[in-house]
């Protein structure tokens, strides 16, 4: 039942929209104030479920429903904001804080949940995943993530793996542009294998772009230019949040290039693990990232702690805040990387 607490993200998102004023940041307070403070005092829980519990939970639809509920809740929040812009004249700083609020909601409820569903088989999961990525304008993410990042993680070929001594700000630019480039490359290669030109109606990237432009068009029709700028701002915050998470998940970890010019197999040494309890709940166990890279199709409720993996000293939200100050981040993390350089 612990994953029910994730509902506080849309609740606080809506609280910010409804009350505005000092409550406008909404989900920001939860993600980057309360959780970092509470996780500093709460004990770390590295316990893994037993085989019997895993068997009982494997087909429990409750865990899937929690994911699917994010879709209507996310669209409700975003469109409520857009329709609100029709009737209210917001102070500039309140608008900025509400965009931050909804951007965090879109990153956590949208991209994060889309990531979980994007690894699962079945048309329904794929459709939900793409629909959750739409408000973030990042629908190409799944192709690059599943077919490039998981293959080349912790290597120089992966734009989503942060290099040693690379700042978050540099990583943001390299990763966002790199993910687009790899998505184009992968789709172009797929079409070539199907003996189809790049500009073809079966090009999934072009189809995603059309959907995203249509989404922006709807935002413009609802709230005019301000609605369009709002949608773009929300998407930008969501993308930056995603890539900040990517940054801390693999920072400085590198796979060895073997004599046969192939990289060593991905292991638990190539992702940072975090067992801080609140991050585990609100991000649906994304923080147990080494196990995810070991077996990407394992459902979130079954992901295990890998104590032999490098361990983040703080939870995800606190780590992101620290990463915003590169010298502090390097001083904290670089000494922890040395034992994993083999």
C-alpha atoms as a PDB file:
ATOM      1  CA  UNK A   1       0.000   0.000   0.000  1.00  0.00           C
ATOM      2  CA  UNK A   2       2.997   2.319   0.374  1.00  0.00           C
ATOM      3  CA  UNK A   3       2.860   3.389  -3.290  1.00  0.00           C
ATOM      4  CA  UNK A   4      -0.495   5.066  -2.614  1.00  0.00           C
ATOM      5  CA  UNK A   5       1.527   7.901  -1.081  1.00  0.00           C
ATOM      6  CA  UNK A   6       2.568   8.856  -4.627  1.00  0.00           C
ATOM      7  CA  UNK A   7      -0.910  10.388  -4.960  1.00  0.00           C
ATOM      8  CA  UNK A   8       0.412  13.336  -2.944  1.00  0.00           C
ATOM      9  CA  UNK A   9       2.212  14.558  -6.068  1.00  0.00           C
ATOM     10  CA  UNK A  10      -0.983  15.369  -8.037  1.00  0.00           C
ATOM     11  CA  UNK A  11      -2.709  16.464  -4.816  1.00  0.00           C
ATOM     12  CA  UNK A  12      -0.033  19.055  -4.112  1.00  0.00           C
ATOM     13  CA  UNK A  13       0.082  19.939  -7.796  1.00  0.00           C
ATOM     14  CA  UNK A  14      -3.613  20.783  -7.669  1.00  0.00           C
ATOM     15  CA  UNK A  15      -3.239  22.515  -4.302  1.00  0.00           C
ATOM     16  CA  UNK A  16      -0.794  24.914  -5.923  1.00  0.00           C
ATOM     17  CA  UNK A  17      -3.188  25.621  -8.781  1.00  0.00           C
ATOM     18  CA  UNK A  18      -6.169  26.144  -6.484  1.00  0.00           C
ATOM     19  CA  UNK A  19      -4.685  28.249  -3.687  1.00  0.00           C
ATOM     20  CA  UNK A  20      -1.757  29.843  -5.566  1.00  0.00           C
ATOM     21  CA  UNK A  21       0.084  32.435  -3.427  1.00  0.00           C
ATOM     22  CA  UNK A  22       2.836  30.751  -1.385  1.00  0.00           C
ATOM     23  CA  UNK A  23       1.335  27.330  -2.174  1.00  0.00           C
ATOM     24  CA  UNK A  24       1.841  27.784  -5.932  1.00  0.00           C
ATOM     25  CA  UNK A  25       5.027  25.648  -6.054  1.00  0.00           C
ATOM     26  CA  UNK A  26       2.929  22.687  -4.848  1.00  0.00           C
ATOM     27  CA  UNK A  27       4.819  19.551  -5.846  1.00  0.00           C
ATOM     28  CA  UNK A  28       8.154  21.391  -5.541  1.00  0.00           C
ATOM     29  CA  UNK A  29       7.689  21.577  -1.780  1.00  0.00           C
ATOM     30  CA  UNK A  30       7.156  17.834  -1.614  1.00  0.00           C
ATOM     31  CA  UNK A  31       9.929  16.823  -3.987  1.00  0.00           C
ATOM     32  CA  UNK A  32      12.676  19.254  -3.104  1.00  0.00           C
ATOM     33  CA  UNK A  33      11.936  20.421   0.445  1.00  0.00           C
ATOM     34  CA  UNK A  34      10.037  17.846   2.495  1.00  0.00           C
ATOM     35  CA  UNK A  35      11.436  14.644   0.970  1.00  0.00           C
ATOM     36  CA  UNK A  36      15.136  15.662   1.178  1.00  0.00           C
ATOM     37  CA  UNK A  37      14.688  16.751   4.809  1.00  0.00           C
ATOM     38  CA  UNK A  38      12.724  13.656   5.832  1.00  0.00           C
ATOM     39  CA  UNK A  39      15.084  11.263   4.031  1.00  0.00           C
ATOM     40  CA  UNK A  40      17.995  12.773   5.935  1.00  0.00           C
ATOM     41  CA  UNK A  41      16.459  11.446   9.162  1.00  0.00           C
ATOM     42  CA  UNK A  42      14.577   8.352   8.000  1.00  0.00           C
ATOM     43  CA  UNK A  43      16.447   5.020   7.996  1.00  0.00           C
ATOM     44  CA  UNK A  44      17.476   3.543   4.662  1.00  0.00           C
ATOM     45  CA  UNK A  45      15.544   0.383   3.792  1.00  0.00           C
ATOM     46  CA  UNK A  46      17.534  -2.121   1.721  1.00  0.00           C
ATOM     47  CA  UNK A  47      15.182  -5.024   2.382  1.00  0.00           C
ATOM     48  CA  UNK A  48      14.130  -7.090  -0.622  1.00  0.00           C
ATOM     49  CA  UNK A  49      10.822  -8.918  -0.813  1.00  0.00           C
ATOM     50  CA  UNK A  50      10.709 -12.677  -0.409  1.00  0.00           C
ATOM     51  CA  UNK A  51      10.066 -14.998  -3.345  1.00  0.00           C
ATOM     52  CA  UNK A  52       6.623 -15.793  -1.938  1.00  0.00           C
ATOM     53  CA  UNK A  53       5.589 -12.138  -1.759  1.00  0.00           C
ATOM     54  CA  UNK A  54       7.006 -11.528  -5.222  1.00  0.00           C
ATOM     55  CA  UNK A  55       4.868 -14.340  -6.596  1.00  0.00           C
ATOM     56  CA  UNK A  56       1.740 -12.946  -4.910  1.00  0.00           C
ATOM     57  CA  UNK A  57       2.339  -9.425  -6.220  1.00  0.00           C
ATOM     58  CA  UNK A  58       3.419 -10.287  -9.746  1.00  0.00           C
ATOM     59  CA  UNK A  59      -0.070 -10.336 -11.241  1.00  0.00           C
ATOM     60  CA  UNK A  60      -1.725  -8.000  -8.723  1.00  0.00           C
ATOM     61  CA  UNK A  61      -3.494  -5.425 -10.885  1.00  0.00           C
ATOM     62  CA  UNK A  62      -3.390  -2.899  -8.031  1.00  0.00           C
ATOM     63  CA  UNK A  63       0.240  -2.037  -8.827  1.00  0.00           C
ATOM     64  CA  UNK A  64      -0.604  -1.469 -12.492  1.00  0.00           C
ATOM     65  CA  UNK A  65      -3.684   0.646 -11.745  1.00  0.00           C
ATOM     66  CA  UNK A  66      -1.531   3.016  -9.696  1.00  0.00           C
ATOM     67  CA  UNK A  67       0.525   3.640 -12.830  1.00  0.00           C
ATOM     68  CA  UNK A  68      -2.421   3.998 -15.209  1.00  0.00           C
ATOM     69  CA  UNK A  69      -4.144   6.524 -12.915  1.00  0.00           C
ATOM     70  CA  UNK A  70      -1.332   8.972 -13.579  1.00  0.00           C
ATOM     71  CA  UNK A  71      -2.583   9.531 -17.136  1.00  0.00           C
ATOM     72  CA  UNK A  72      -5.993  11.111 -16.368  1.00  0.00           C
ATOM     73  CA  UNK A  73      -4.592  12.940 -13.347  1.00  0.00           C
ATOM     74  CA  UNK A  74      -1.728  14.439 -15.346  1.00  0.00           C
ATOM     75  CA  UNK A  75      -3.968  15.638 -18.176  1.00  0.00           C
ATOM     76  CA  UNK A  76      -6.463  17.035 -15.681  1.00  0.00           C
ATOM     77  CA  UNK A  77      -3.744  19.115 -14.001  1.00  0.00           C
ATOM     78  CA  UNK A  78      -2.302  20.449 -17.236  1.00  0.00           C
ATOM     79  CA  UNK A  79      -5.619  21.337 -18.840  1.00  0.00           C
ATOM     80  CA  UNK A  80      -7.023  22.761 -15.610  1.00  0.00           C
ATOM     81  CA  UNK A  81      -4.042  25.137 -15.626  1.00  0.00           C
ATOM     82  CA  UNK A  82      -4.638  26.068 -19.260  1.00  0.00           C
ATOM     83  CA  UNK A  83      -8.345  26.766 -18.750  1.00  0.00           C
ATOM     84  CA  UNK A  84      -7.482  28.715 -15.612  1.00  0.00           C
ATOM     85  CA  UNK A  85      -5.331  31.018 -17.746  1.00  0.00           C
ATOM     86  CA  UNK A  86      -8.457  31.900 -19.741  1.00  0.00           C
ATOM     87  CA  UNK A  87     -10.233  33.439 -16.771  1.00  0.00           C
ATOM     88  CA  UNK A  88      -7.488  34.604 -14.418  1.00  0.00           C
ATOM     89  CA  UNK A  89      -4.803  37.252 -14.714  1.00  0.00           C
ATOM     90  CA  UNK A  90      -1.893  35.688 -12.868  1.00  0.00           C
ATOM     91  CA  UNK A  91       1.006  37.567 -11.363  1.00  0.00           C
ATOM     92  CA  UNK A  92       4.167  36.752 -13.341  1.00  0.00           C
ATOM     93  CA  UNK A  93       5.916  35.054 -10.434  1.00  0.00           C
ATOM     94  CA  UNK A  94       2.847  33.012  -9.559  1.00  0.00           C
ATOM     95  CA  UNK A  95       2.735  31.843 -13.182  1.00  0.00           C
ATOM     96  CA  UNK A  96       6.429  30.885 -13.016  1.00  0.00           C
ATOM     97  CA  UNK A  97       5.877  28.894  -9.818  1.00  0.00           C
ATOM     98  CA  UNK A  98       2.836  27.128 -11.265  1.00  0.00           C
ATOM     99  CA  UNK A  99       4.813  26.167 -14.377  1.00  0.00           C
ATOM    100  CA  UNK A 100       7.520  24.766 -12.074  1.00  0.00           C
ATOM    101  CA  UNK A 101       4.848  22.904 -10.113  1.00  0.00           C
ATOM    102  CA  UNK A 102       3.235  21.344 -13.194  1.00  0.00           C
ATOM    103  CA  UNK A 103       6.628  20.668 -14.770  1.00  0.00           C
ATOM    104  CA  UNK A 104       7.612  18.535 -11.795  1.00  0.00           C
ATOM    105  CA  UNK A 105       4.252  16.738 -11.931  1.00  0.00           C
ATOM    106  CA  UNK A 106       4.773  16.077 -15.649  1.00  0.00           C
ATOM    107  CA  UNK A 107       8.288  14.787 -15.046  1.00  0.00           C
ATOM    108  CA  UNK A 108       7.322  12.422 -12.232  1.00  0.00           C
ATOM    109  CA  UNK A 109       3.787  11.393 -13.225  1.00  0.00           C
ATOM    110  CA  UNK A 110       4.475  11.603 -16.954  1.00  0.00           C
ATOM    111  CA  UNK A 111       8.013  10.716 -17.995  1.00  0.00           C
ATOM    112  CA  UNK A 112       8.851   8.540 -14.994  1.00  0.00           C
ATOM    113  CA  UNK A 113       5.701   6.420 -15.281  1.00  0.00           C
ATOM    114  CA  UNK A 114       6.062   6.340 -19.084  1.00  0.00           C
ATOM    115  CA  UNK A 115       9.532   4.904 -18.554  1.00  0.00           C
ATOM    116  CA  UNK A 116       8.127   2.078 -16.440  1.00  0.00           C
ATOM    117  CA  UNK A 117       5.326   1.274 -18.903  1.00  0.00           C
ATOM    118  CA  UNK A 118       7.581   1.699 -21.936  1.00  0.00           C
ATOM    119  CA  UNK A 119       9.589  -1.335 -20.870  1.00  0.00           C
ATOM    120  CA  UNK A 120       6.502  -3.532 -20.673  1.00  0.00           C
ATOM    121  CA  UNK A 121       5.014  -5.587 -23.505  1.00  0.00           C
ATOM    122  CA  UNK A 122       1.520  -4.994 -24.833  1.00  0.00           C
ATOM    123  CA  UNK A 123      -0.176  -2.307 -26.882  1.00  0.00           C
ATOM    124  CA  UNK A 124      -1.999  -0.764 -23.892  1.00  0.00           C
ATOM    125  CA  UNK A 125       1.257  -0.170 -22.042  1.00  0.00           C
ATOM    126  CA  UNK A 126       2.842   1.378 -25.137  1.00  0.00           C
ATOM    127  CA  UNK A 127      -0.129   3.694 -25.698  1.00  0.00           C
ATOM    128  CA  UNK A 128      -0.187   4.805 -22.068  1.00  0.00           C
ATOM    129  CA  UNK A 129       3.558   5.393 -22.189  1.00  0.00           C
ATOM    130  CA  UNK A 130       3.345   7.568 -25.287  1.00  0.00           C
ATOM    131  CA  UNK A 131       0.344   9.494 -23.944  1.00  0.00           C
ATOM    132  CA  UNK A 132       2.235  10.216 -20.722  1.00  0.00           C
ATOM    133  CA  UNK A 133       5.222  11.515 -22.698  1.00  0.00           C
ATOM    134  CA  UNK A 134       3.080  13.824 -24.844  1.00  0.00           C
ATOM    135  CA  UNK A 135       2.757  16.750 -22.360  1.00  0.00           C
ATOM    136  CA  UNK A 136       6.540  16.611 -21.909  1.00  0.00           C
ATOM    137  CA  UNK A 137       7.033  16.795 -25.702  1.00  0.00           C
ATOM    138  CA  UNK A 138       9.487  13.896 -25.291  1.00  0.00           C
ATOM    139  CA  UNK A 139       7.775  11.037 -27.096  1.00  0.00           C
ATOM    140  CA  UNK A 140      11.022   9.967 -28.774  1.00  0.00           C
ATOM    141  CA  UNK A 141      12.434   9.090 -25.336  1.00  0.00           C
ATOM    142  CA  UNK A 142      11.277   5.455 -25.276  1.00  0.00           C
ATOM    143  CA  UNK A 143      12.999   4.428 -28.513  1.00  0.00           C
ATOM    144  CA  UNK A 144      16.337   5.961 -27.531  1.00  0.00           C
ATOM    145  CA  UNK A 145      16.105   4.754 -23.948  1.00  0.00           C
ATOM    146  CA  UNK A 146      15.147   1.150 -24.666  1.00  0.00           C
ATOM    147  CA  UNK A 147      17.323   0.525 -27.707  1.00  0.00           C
ATOM    148  CA  UNK A 148      20.364   2.749 -27.100  1.00  0.00           C
ATOM    149  CA  UNK A 149      20.712   3.780 -23.473  1.00  0.00           C
ATOM    150  CA  UNK A 150      20.256   0.256 -22.126  1.00  0.00           C
ATOM    151  CA  UNK A 151      22.766  -1.091 -24.638  1.00  0.00           C
ATOM    152  CA  UNK A 152      25.457   1.557 -24.236  1.00  0.00           C
ATOM    153  CA  UNK A 153      24.896   2.768 -20.665  1.00  0.00           C
ATOM    154  CA  UNK A 154      28.069   3.880 -18.875  1.00  0.00           C
ATOM    155  CA  UNK A 155      30.020   4.217 -22.132  1.00  0.00           C
ATOM    156  CA  UNK A 156      31.126   7.154 -24.241  1.00  0.00           C
ATOM    157  CA  UNK A 157      28.474   6.176 -26.809  1.00  0.00           C
ATOM    158  CA  UNK A 158      25.581   6.933 -24.473  1.00  0.00           C
ATOM    159  CA  UNK A 159      24.423  10.562 -24.287  1.00  0.00           C
ATOM    160  CA  UNK A 160      22.401   9.760 -21.161  1.00  0.00           C
ATOM    161  CA  UNK A 161      25.373   8.662 -19.039  1.00  0.00           C
ATOM    162  CA  UNK A 162      27.169  11.477 -17.220  1.00  0.00           C
ATOM    163  CA  UNK A 163      30.954  11.581 -17.507  1.00  0.00           C
ATOM    164  CA  UNK A 164      33.355  11.934 -14.599  1.00  0.00           C
ATOM    165  CA  UNK A 165      33.720  15.636 -13.682  1.00  0.00           C
ATOM    166  CA  UNK A 166      30.913  16.625 -16.071  1.00  0.00           C
ATOM    167  CA  UNK A 167      28.596  19.237 -14.602  1.00  0.00           C
ATOM    168  CA  UNK A 168      24.836  18.828 -14.647  1.00  0.00           C
ATOM    169  CA  UNK A 169      24.521  21.944 -16.810  1.00  0.00           C
ATOM    170  CA  UNK A 170      26.863  20.584 -19.484  1.00  0.00           C
ATOM    171  CA  UNK A 171      25.153  17.199 -19.269  1.00  0.00           C
ATOM    172  CA  UNK A 172      21.732  18.746 -19.845  1.00  0.00           C
ATOM    173  CA  UNK A 173      22.844  20.148 -23.201  1.00  0.00           C
ATOM    174  CA  UNK A 174      24.748  17.041 -24.299  1.00  0.00           C
ATOM    175  CA  UNK A 175      22.077  14.586 -23.203  1.00  0.00           C
ATOM    176  CA  UNK A 176      18.997  16.371 -24.568  1.00  0.00           C
ATOM    177  CA  UNK A 177      20.583  16.953 -27.977  1.00  0.00           C
ATOM    178  CA  UNK A 178      22.150  13.494 -27.968  1.00  0.00           C
ATOM    179  CA  UNK A 179      18.863  11.744 -27.230  1.00  0.00           C
ATOM    180  CA  UNK A 180      17.266  13.500 -30.211  1.00  0.00           C
ATOM    181  CA  UNK A 181      20.175  12.540 -32.476  1.00  0.00           C
ATOM    182  CA  UNK A 182      20.137   8.891 -31.410  1.00  0.00           C
ATOM    183  CA  UNK A 183      16.363   8.722 -31.832  1.00  0.00           C
ATOM    184  CA  UNK A 184      16.689   9.984 -35.405  1.00  0.00           C
ATOM    185  CA  UNK A 185      19.507   7.510 -36.052  1.00  0.00           C
ATOM    186  CA  UNK A 186      17.551   4.554 -34.660  1.00  0.00           C
ATOM    187  CA  UNK A 187      14.380   5.378 -36.574  1.00  0.00           C
ATOM    188  CA  UNK A 188      16.326   6.008 -39.776  1.00  0.00           C
ATOM    189  CA  UNK A 189      18.043   2.639 -39.390  1.00  0.00           C
ATOM    190  CA  UNK A 190      14.716   0.893 -38.781  1.00  0.00           C
ATOM    191  CA  UNK A 191      13.175   2.445 -41.887  1.00  0.00           C
ATOM    192  CA  UNK A 192      16.229   1.547 -43.970  1.00  0.00           C
ATOM    193  CA  UNK A 193      15.929  -2.066 -42.838  1.00  0.00           C
ATOM    194  CA  UNK A 194      12.285  -1.936 -43.972  1.00  0.00           C
ATOM    195  CA  UNK A 195      13.440  -0.429 -47.295  1.00  0.00           C
ATOM    196  CA  UNK A 196      11.506   2.762 -46.609  1.00  0.00           C
ATOM    197  CA  UNK A 197      12.628   6.397 -46.963  1.00  0.00           C
ATOM    198  CA  UNK A 198      12.988   8.574 -43.874  1.00  0.00           C
ATOM    199  CA  UNK A 199      10.069  10.791 -44.879  1.00  0.00           C
ATOM    200  CA  UNK A 200       7.399   8.118 -44.821  1.00  0.00           C
ATOM    201  CA  UNK A 201       4.100   7.828 -42.991  1.00  0.00           C
ATOM    202  CA  UNK A 202       5.517   4.868 -41.045  1.00  0.00           C
ATOM    203  CA  UNK A 203       8.209   7.096 -39.532  1.00  0.00           C
ATOM    204  CA  UNK A 204       7.308   6.997 -35.840  1.00  0.00           C
ATOM    205  CA  UNK A 205       9.348  10.091 -34.991  1.00  0.00           C
ATOM    206  CA  UNK A 206       7.500  12.204 -37.543  1.00  0.00           C
ATOM    207  CA  UNK A 207       4.197  10.873 -36.234  1.00  0.00           C
ATOM    208  CA  UNK A 208       5.214  11.826 -32.707  1.00  0.00           C
ATOM    209  CA  UNK A 209       6.185  15.311 -33.864  1.00  0.00           C
ATOM    210  CA  UNK A 210       2.778  15.750 -35.489  1.00  0.00           C
ATOM    211  CA  UNK A 211       1.040  14.701 -32.259  1.00  0.00           C
ATOM    212  CA  UNK A 212       3.188  17.068 -30.220  1.00  0.00           C
ATOM    213  CA  UNK A 213       2.460  19.995 -32.542  1.00  0.00           C
ATOM    214  CA  UNK A 214      -1.251  19.144 -32.326  1.00  0.00           C
ATOM    215  CA  UNK A 215      -0.998  19.145 -28.530  1.00  0.00           C
ATOM    216  CA  UNK A 216       0.665  22.564 -28.612  1.00  0.00           C
ATOM    217  CA  UNK A 217      -2.033  23.719 -31.017  1.00  0.00           C
ATOM    218  CA  UNK A 218      -4.728  22.695 -28.552  1.00  0.00           C
ATOM    219  CA  UNK A 219      -2.892  24.557 -25.781  1.00  0.00           C
ATOM    220  CA  UNK A 220      -2.822  27.646 -28.014  1.00  0.00           C
ATOM    221  CA  UNK A 221      -6.528  27.359 -28.809  1.00  0.00           C
ATOM    222  CA  UNK A 222      -7.373  27.121 -25.109  1.00  0.00           C
ATOM    223  CA  UNK A 223      -5.225  29.927 -23.711  1.00  0.00           C
ATOM    224  CA  UNK A 224      -3.600  31.692 -26.640  1.00  0.00           C
ATOM    225  CA  UNK A 225       0.095  32.514 -26.750  1.00  0.00           C
ATOM    226  CA  UNK A 226       0.323  32.271 -22.966  1.00  0.00           C
ATOM    227  CA  UNK A 227      -1.072  28.739 -23.155  1.00  0.00           C
ATOM    228  CA  UNK A 228       1.542  27.803 -25.744  1.00  0.00           C
ATOM    229  CA  UNK A 229       4.386  29.271 -23.670  1.00  0.00           C
ATOM    230  CA  UNK A 230       2.995  27.560 -20.570  1.00  0.00           C
ATOM    231  CA  UNK A 231       2.962  24.153 -22.265  1.00  0.00           C
ATOM    232  CA  UNK A 232       6.530  24.667 -23.482  1.00  0.00           C
ATOM    233  CA  UNK A 233       7.656  25.743 -20.007  1.00  0.00           C
ATOM    234  CA  UNK A 234       6.053  22.726 -18.347  1.00  0.00           C
ATOM    235  CA  UNK A 235       7.696  20.412 -20.883  1.00  0.00           C
ATOM    236  CA  UNK A 236      11.100  22.041 -20.346  1.00  0.00           C
ATOM    237  CA  UNK A 237      10.949  21.580 -16.566  1.00  0.00           C
ATOM    238  CA  UNK A 238       9.864  17.946 -17.013  1.00  0.00           C
ATOM    239  CA  UNK A 239      12.725  17.236 -19.426  1.00  0.00           C
ATOM    240  CA  UNK A 240      15.308  18.911 -17.191  1.00  0.00           C
ATOM    241  CA  UNK A 241      14.046  16.846 -14.254  1.00  0.00           C
ATOM    242  CA  UNK A 242      14.302  13.626 -16.250  1.00  0.00           C
ATOM    243  CA  UNK A 243      17.822  14.402 -17.399  1.00  0.00           C
ATOM    244  CA  UNK A 244      18.875  15.443 -13.887  1.00  0.00           C
ATOM    245  CA  UNK A 245      17.777  11.990 -12.748  1.00  0.00           C
ATOM    246  CA  UNK A 246      19.730  10.426 -15.610  1.00  0.00           C
ATOM    247  CA  UNK A 247      22.730  12.455 -14.475  1.00  0.00           C
ATOM    248  CA  UNK A 248      22.793  11.119 -10.920  1.00  0.00           C
ATOM    249  CA  UNK A 249      21.935   7.542 -11.945  1.00  0.00           C
ATOM    250  CA  UNK A 250      25.192   6.862 -13.791  1.00  0.00           C
ATOM    251  CA  UNK A 251      27.506   9.756 -12.927  1.00  0.00           C
ATOM    252  CA  UNK A 252      31.165   8.911 -13.503  1.00  0.00           C
ATOM    253  CA  UNK A 253      30.673   5.151 -13.908  1.00  0.00           C
ATOM    254  CA  UNK A 254      32.265   3.599 -16.986  1.00  0.00           C
ATOM    255  CA  UNK A 255      32.310   0.144 -18.526  1.00  0.00           C
ATOM    256  CA  UNK A 256      35.700  -1.180 -19.578  1.00  0.00           C
ATOM    257  CA  UNK A 257      36.521  -1.492 -23.274  1.00  0.00           C
ATOM    258  CA  UNK A 258      37.792  -5.047 -23.767  1.00  0.00           C
ATOM    259  CA  UNK A 259      40.507  -6.321 -26.112  1.00  0.00           C
ATOM    260  CA  UNK A 260      37.871  -7.396 -28.634  1.00  0.00           C
ATOM    261  CA  UNK A 261      36.747  -3.744 -28.872  1.00  0.00           C
ATOM    262  CA  UNK A 262      33.493  -4.579 -27.114  1.00  0.00           C
ATOM    263  CA  UNK A 263      32.435  -3.054 -23.818  1.00  0.00           C
ATOM    264  CA  UNK A 264      32.160  -5.312 -20.801  1.00  0.00           C
ATOM    265  CA  UNK A 265      28.647  -6.456 -19.960  1.00  0.00           C
ATOM    266  CA  UNK A 266      26.436  -4.131 -17.960  1.00  0.00           C
ATOM    267  CA  UNK A 267      26.645  -4.990 -14.280  1.00  0.00           C
ATOM    268  CA  UNK A 268      25.474  -3.646 -10.952  1.00  0.00           C
ATOM    269  CA  UNK A 269      28.628  -1.525 -10.843  1.00  0.00           C
ATOM    270  CA  UNK A 270      27.375   0.769 -13.614  1.00  0.00           C
ATOM    271  CA  UNK A 271      24.428   2.466 -11.869  1.00  0.00           C
ATOM    272  CA  UNK A 272      24.051   4.221  -8.541  1.00  0.00           C
ATOM    273  CA  UNK A 273      21.630   2.565  -6.125  1.00  0.00           C
ATOM    274  CA  UNK A 274      19.480   4.443  -3.619  1.00  0.00           C
ATOM    275  CA  UNK A 275      17.339   2.823  -0.936  1.00  0.00           C
ATOM    276  CA  UNK A 276      16.074   6.066   0.572  1.00  0.00           C
ATOM    277  CA  UNK A 277      12.476   5.186   1.298  1.00  0.00           C
ATOM    278  CA  UNK A 278      10.503   8.197   0.077  1.00  0.00           C
ATOM    279  CA  UNK A 279      12.270   8.440  -3.269  1.00  0.00           C
ATOM    280  CA  UNK A 280      11.573   4.751  -3.776  1.00  0.00           C
ATOM    281  CA  UNK A 281       7.853   5.317  -3.239  1.00  0.00           C
ATOM    282  CA  UNK A 282       7.309   8.506  -5.223  1.00  0.00           C
ATOM    283  CA  UNK A 283       9.448   7.366  -8.173  1.00  0.00           C
ATOM    284  CA  UNK A 284       8.087   3.806  -8.215  1.00  0.00           C
ATOM    285  CA  UNK A 285      11.437   2.235  -7.269  1.00  0.00           C
ATOM    286  CA  UNK A 286      13.377   3.945 -10.061  1.00  0.00           C
ATOM    287  CA  UNK A 287      16.042   4.549  -7.421  1.00  0.00           C
ATOM    288  CA  UNK A 288      16.882   0.840  -7.415  1.00  0.00           C
ATOM    289  CA  UNK A 289      18.430   1.480 -10.775  1.00  0.00           C
ATOM    290  CA  UNK A 290      21.162  -1.195 -10.915  1.00  0.00           C
ATOM    291  CA  UNK A 291      18.556  -3.955 -10.855  1.00  0.00           C
ATOM    292  CA  UNK A 292      16.566  -2.143 -13.553  1.00  0.00           C
ATOM    293  CA  UNK A 293      19.593  -2.230 -15.858  1.00  0.00           C
ATOM    294  CA  UNK A 294      20.232  -5.842 -14.966  1.00  0.00           C
ATOM    295  CA  UNK A 295      16.713  -6.803 -16.044  1.00  0.00           C
ATOM    296  CA  UNK A 296      14.694  -3.992 -17.596  1.00  0.00           C
ATOM    297  CA  UNK A 297      11.369  -5.839 -17.733  1.00  0.00           C
ATOM    298  CA  UNK A 298      11.120  -6.388 -13.968  1.00  0.00           C
ATOM    299  CA  UNK A 299       8.067  -4.551 -12.631  1.00  0.00           C
ATOM    300  CA  UNK A 300       8.772  -1.695 -10.259  1.00  0.00           C
ATOM    301  CA  UNK A 301       7.371  -3.459  -7.173  1.00  0.00           C
ATOM    302  CA  UNK A 302       9.901  -6.278  -7.649  1.00  0.00           C
ATOM    303  CA  UNK A 303      13.067  -4.229  -8.104  1.00  0.00           C
ATOM    304  CA  UNK A 304      15.723  -5.200  -5.577  1.00  0.00           C
ATOM    305  CA  UNK A 305      18.424  -3.365  -3.712  1.00  0.00           C
ATOM    306  CA  UNK A 306      21.921  -4.211  -4.945  1.00  0.00           C
ATOM    307  CA  UNK A 307      24.230  -3.521  -2.018  1.00  0.00           C
ATOM    308  CA  UNK A 308      27.321  -4.332  -4.090  1.00  0.00           C
ATOM    309  CA  UNK A 309      26.441  -1.418  -6.372  1.00  0.00           C
ATOM    310  CA  UNK A 310      27.723   2.098  -5.758  1.00  0.00           C
ATOM    311  CA  UNK A 311      25.388   3.775  -3.275  1.00  0.00           C
ATOM    312  CA  UNK A 312      24.173   7.358  -3.456  1.00  0.00           C
ATOM    313  CA  UNK A 313      24.821   9.065  -0.111  1.00  0.00           C
ATOM    314  CA  UNK A 314      21.529  10.938  -0.400  1.00  0.00           C
ATOM    315  CA  UNK A 315      18.189  10.247  -2.056  1.00  0.00           C
ATOM    316  CA  UNK A 316      17.347  11.371  -5.583  1.00  0.00           C
ATOM    317  CA  UNK A 317      15.788  14.775  -4.726  1.00  0.00           C
ATOM    318  CA  UNK A 318      18.662  15.817  -2.446  1.00  0.00           C
ATOM    319  CA  UNK A 319      21.196  14.526  -4.988  1.00  0.00           C
ATOM    320  CA  UNK A 320      19.641  16.674  -7.728  1.00  0.00           C
ATOM    321  CA  UNK A 321      19.823  19.752  -5.507  1.00  0.00           C
ATOM    322  CA  UNK A 322      23.487  19.054  -4.750  1.00  0.00           C
ATOM    323  CA  UNK A 323      24.219  18.467  -8.457  1.00  0.00           C
ATOM    324  CA  UNK A 324      23.042  22.027  -9.139  1.00  0.00           C
ATOM    325  CA  UNK A 325      26.246  23.114  -7.355  1.00  0.00           C
ATOM    326  CA  UNK A 326      28.936  21.284  -9.395  1.00  0.00           C
ATOM    327  CA  UNK A 327      31.926  21.803  -7.024  1.00  0.00           C
ATOM    328  CA  UNK A 328      29.887  20.436  -4.116  1.00  0.00           C
ATOM    329  CA  UNK A 329      28.691  17.486  -6.225  1.00  0.00           C
ATOM    330  CA  UNK A 330      32.205  16.628  -7.424  1.00  0.00           C
ATOM    331  CA  UNK A 331      33.564  16.845  -3.874  1.00  0.00           C
ATOM    332  CA  UNK A 332      30.824  14.512  -2.638  1.00  0.00           C
ATOM    333  CA  UNK A 333      30.746  11.966  -5.458  1.00  0.00           C
ATOM    334  CA  UNK A 334      34.203  11.729  -7.033  1.00  0.00           C
ATOM    335  CA  UNK A 335      35.822   9.938  -4.063  1.00  0.00           C
ATOM    336  CA  UNK A 336      32.991   7.402  -4.120  1.00  0.00           C
ATOM    337  CA  UNK A 337      33.695   6.490  -7.753  1.00  0.00           C
ATOM    338  CA  UNK A 338      37.285   5.293  -7.210  1.00  0.00           C
ATOM    339  CA  UNK A 339      36.400   1.817  -5.828  1.00  0.00           C
ATOM    340  CA  UNK A 340      34.368   1.098  -8.975  1.00  0.00           C
ATOM    341  CA  UNK A 341      37.068   1.996 -11.495  1.00  0.00           C
ATOM    342  CA  UNK A 342      38.535  -1.375 -12.408  1.00  0.00           C
END
